[in-house]
Amino acid sequence: MPEPVLIAIAAALAGKSVGNLYDLVRKKFADRKQAAAALEAAKGTAPDSPEVRTLADELAAVEAEDPAFADQLRTTWQASEGAVINTMSGNTQGGAVIQARDIQGGITFH
């Protein structure tokens, strides 16, 4: 199972929301038929889709083979303007969870 950061990266790639990151991965995957197909299949899919999970698996495999690429991928991800990683695990026991960036005003739960 890929790390949560790789799933977040894969979700951003699916939305092509981080141009430099997308270009880096597309170039790395150019000679990898299965990885390139995973990148293409993930385009426009939801962050929790099976296609994004498959893309994250491909990223994990490439990172394991190429530590220099792993460093470059994570550095590019962290440097991306507006890059956010939201992770929540476990059960909220009937409570609520909010993940947000900019909130103006209050938040009320009913």
C-alpha atoms as a PDB file:
ATOM      1  CA  MET A   1       0.000   0.000   0.000  1.00  0.00           C
ATOM      2  CA  PRO A   2       1.504   3.357  -0.971  1.00  0.00           C
ATOM      3  CA  GLU A   3       2.208   6.060   1.571  1.00  0.00           C
ATOM      4  CA  PRO A   4      -0.493   8.722   2.049  1.00  0.00           C
ATOM      5  CA  VAL A   5       1.802  11.330   0.489  1.00  0.00           C
ATOM      6  CA  LEU A   6       1.969   9.275  -2.717  1.00  0.00           C
ATOM      7  CA  ILE A   7      -1.806   9.040  -2.820  1.00  0.00           C
ATOM      8  CA  ALA A   8      -2.007  12.827  -2.408  1.00  0.00           C
ATOM      9  CA  ILE A   9       0.537  13.289  -5.187  1.00  0.00           C
ATOM     10  CA  ALA A  10      -1.354  10.867  -7.428  1.00  0.00           C
ATOM     11  CA  ALA A  11      -4.612  12.750  -6.773  1.00  0.00           C
ATOM     12  CA  ALA A  12      -2.944  16.043  -7.716  1.00  0.00           C
ATOM     13  CA  LEU A  13      -1.577  14.420 -10.864  1.00  0.00           C
ATOM     14  CA  ALA A  14      -5.042  13.131 -11.757  1.00  0.00           C
ATOM     15  CA  GLY A  15      -6.328  16.676 -11.689  1.00  0.00           C
ATOM     16  CA  LYS A  16      -3.196  17.977 -13.406  1.00  0.00           C
ATOM     17  CA  SER A  17      -3.315  20.660 -10.738  1.00  0.00           C
ATOM     18  CA  VAL A  18       0.443  20.832 -10.249  1.00  0.00           C
ATOM     19  CA  GLY A  19       2.076  21.454 -13.640  1.00  0.00           C
ATOM     20  CA  ASN A  20       5.746  20.977 -12.731  1.00  0.00           C
ATOM     21  CA  LEU A  21       4.952  17.809 -10.836  1.00  0.00           C
ATOM     22  CA  TYR A  22       2.887  16.426 -13.709  1.00  0.00           C
ATOM     23  CA  ASP A  23       5.683  17.157 -16.179  1.00  0.00           C
ATOM     24  CA  LEU A  24       8.261  15.471 -13.935  1.00  0.00           C
ATOM     25  CA  VAL A  25       6.182  12.297 -13.597  1.00  0.00           C
ATOM     26  CA  ARG A  26       5.145  12.200 -17.250  1.00  0.00           C
ATOM     27  CA  LYS A  27       8.811  12.398 -18.282  1.00  0.00           C
ATOM     28  CA  LYS A  28       9.843   9.669 -15.818  1.00  0.00           C
ATOM     29  CA  PHE A  29       6.990   7.410 -16.964  1.00  0.00           C
ATOM     30  CA  ALA A  30       7.679   7.955 -20.692  1.00  0.00           C
ATOM     31  CA  ASP A  31       9.552   4.653 -21.069  1.00  0.00           C
ATOM     32  CA  ARG A  32       7.334   2.735 -18.659  1.00  0.00           C
ATOM     33  CA  LYS A  33       4.244   1.570 -20.510  1.00  0.00           C
ATOM     34  CA  GLN A  34       2.263   0.444 -17.453  1.00  0.00           C
ATOM     35  CA  ALA A  35       3.132   3.551 -15.426  1.00  0.00           C
ATOM     36  CA  ALA A  36       2.315   5.885 -18.333  1.00  0.00           C
ATOM     37  CA  ALA A  37      -1.023   4.101 -18.777  1.00  0.00           C
ATOM     38  CA  ALA A  38      -1.767   4.580 -15.069  1.00  0.00           C
ATOM     39  CA  LEU A  39      -1.020   8.302 -15.340  1.00  0.00           C
ATOM     40  CA  GLU A  40      -3.309   8.614 -18.356  1.00  0.00           C
ATOM     41  CA  ALA A  41      -6.094   6.543 -16.765  1.00  0.00           C
ATOM     42  CA  ALA A  42      -6.057   8.702 -13.617  1.00  0.00           C
ATOM     43  CA  LYS A  43      -6.681  11.971 -15.485  1.00  0.00           C
ATOM     44  CA  GLY A  44      -9.831  13.630 -14.240  1.00  0.00           C
ATOM     45  CA  THR A  45     -10.722  10.912 -11.733  1.00  0.00           C
ATOM     46  CA  ALA A  46     -11.679  11.453  -8.108  1.00  0.00           C
ATOM     47  CA  PRO A  47      -8.911  11.488  -5.494  1.00  0.00           C
ATOM     48  CA  ASP A  48     -10.248   8.265  -3.966  1.00  0.00           C
ATOM     49  CA  SER A  49     -10.651   6.425  -7.269  1.00  0.00           C
ATOM     50  CA  PRO A  50      -9.027   3.084  -8.086  1.00  0.00           C
ATOM     51  CA  GLU A  51      -7.133   4.836 -10.896  1.00  0.00           C
ATOM     52  CA  VAL A  52      -5.495   7.228  -8.432  1.00  0.00           C
ATOM     53  CA  ARG A  53      -4.599   4.292  -6.178  1.00  0.00           C
ATOM     54  CA  THR A  54      -3.010   2.485  -9.147  1.00  0.00           C
ATOM     55  CA  LEU A  55      -1.053   5.622 -10.017  1.00  0.00           C
ATOM     56  CA  ALA A  56       0.149   5.878  -6.418  1.00  0.00           C
ATOM     57  CA  ASP A  57       1.287   2.238  -6.612  1.00  0.00           C
ATOM     58  CA  GLU A  58       3.251   3.053  -9.785  1.00  0.00           C
ATOM     59  CA  LEU A  59       4.848   6.058  -8.085  1.00  0.00           C
ATOM     60  CA  ALA A  60       5.837   3.861  -5.136  1.00  0.00           C
ATOM     61  CA  ALA A  61       7.424   1.295  -7.458  1.00  0.00           C
ATOM     62  CA  VAL A  62       9.420   3.931  -9.334  1.00  0.00           C
ATOM     63  CA  GLU A  63      10.522   5.552  -6.079  1.00  0.00           C
ATOM     64  CA  ALA A  64      11.771   2.184  -4.813  1.00  0.00           C
ATOM     65  CA  GLU A  65      13.860   1.737  -7.968  1.00  0.00           C
ATOM     66  CA  ASP A  66      15.151   5.306  -8.201  1.00  0.00           C
ATOM     67  CA  PRO A  67      15.880   7.133  -4.918  1.00  0.00           C
ATOM     68  CA  ALA A  68      17.004  10.246  -6.807  1.00  0.00           C
ATOM     69  CA  PHE A  69      13.606  10.444  -8.496  1.00  0.00           C
ATOM     70  CA  ALA A  70      11.927   9.889  -5.119  1.00  0.00           C
ATOM     71  CA  ASP A  71      13.779  12.898  -3.705  1.00  0.00           C
ATOM     72  CA  GLN A  72      12.956  15.004  -6.749  1.00  0.00           C
ATOM     73  CA  LEU A  73       9.293  13.989  -6.674  1.00  0.00           C
ATOM     74  CA  ARG A  74       8.871  14.869  -3.020  1.00  0.00           C
ATOM     75  CA  THR A  75      10.850  18.100  -3.307  1.00  0.00           C
ATOM     76  CA  THR A  76       8.751  19.193  -6.275  1.00  0.00           C
ATOM     77  CA  TRP A  77       5.572  18.250  -4.416  1.00  0.00           C
ATOM     78  CA  GLN A  78       6.571  20.228  -1.320  1.00  0.00           C
ATOM     79  CA  ALA A  79       7.609  23.238  -3.391  1.00  0.00           C
ATOM     80  CA  SER A  80       4.358  23.292  -5.354  1.00  0.00           C
ATOM     81  CA  GLU A  81       2.382  26.377  -4.591  1.00  0.00           C
ATOM     82  CA  GLY A  82      -0.724  25.497  -2.643  1.00  0.00           C
ATOM     83  CA  ALA A  83       0.243  21.860  -2.174  1.00  0.00           C
ATOM     84  CA  VAL A  84      -1.716  20.446   0.739  1.00  0.00           C
ATOM     85  CA  ILE A  85      -1.715  16.970   2.205  1.00  0.00           C
ATOM     86  CA  ASN A  86      -4.789  16.106   4.239  1.00  0.00           C
ATOM     87  CA  THR A  87      -4.790  12.806   6.044  1.00  0.00           C
ATOM     88  CA  MET A  88      -7.384  11.414   8.399  1.00  0.00           C
ATOM     89  CA  SER A  89      -7.397   7.883   9.653  1.00  0.00           C
ATOM     90  CA  GLY A  90      -9.394   5.988  12.176  1.00  0.00           C
ATOM     91  CA  ASN A  91     -12.969   6.363  13.300  1.00  0.00           C
ATOM     92  CA  THR A  92     -14.374   9.731  14.363  1.00  0.00           C
ATOM     93  CA  GLN A  93     -16.810   7.944  16.717  1.00  0.00           C
ATOM     94  CA  GLY A  94     -19.741   9.955  15.391  1.00  0.00           C
ATOM     95  CA  GLY A  95     -17.831  13.224  15.521  1.00  0.00           C
ATOM     96  CA  ALA A  96     -16.985  15.493  12.652  1.00  0.00           C
ATOM     97  CA  VAL A  97     -13.816  16.149  10.688  1.00  0.00           C
ATOM     98  CA  ILE A  98     -13.050  19.277   8.726  1.00  0.00           C
ATOM     99  CA  GLN A  99     -10.104  19.658   6.405  1.00  0.00           C
ATOM    100  CA  ALA A 100      -9.803  23.156   5.054  1.00  0.00           C
ATOM    101  CA  ARG A 101      -7.350  25.722   3.886  1.00  0.00           C
ATOM    102  CA  ASP A 102      -8.883  29.183   4.201  1.00  0.00           C
ATOM    103  CA  ILE A 103     -11.971  29.727   6.303  1.00  0.00           C
ATOM    104  CA  GLN A 104     -13.553  33.108   6.728  1.00  0.00           C
ATOM    105  CA  GLY A 105     -16.166  33.162   9.436  1.00  0.00           C
ATOM    106  CA  GLY A 106     -17.095  30.395  11.801  1.00  0.00           C
ATOM    107  CA  ILE A 107     -17.863  26.736  11.538  1.00  0.00           C
ATOM    108  CA  THR A 108     -20.896  25.275  13.236  1.00  0.00           C
ATOM    109  CA  PHE A 109     -21.896  21.643  13.572  1.00  0.00           C
ATOM    110  CA  HIS A 110     -25.563  20.725  13.946  1.00  0.00           C
END
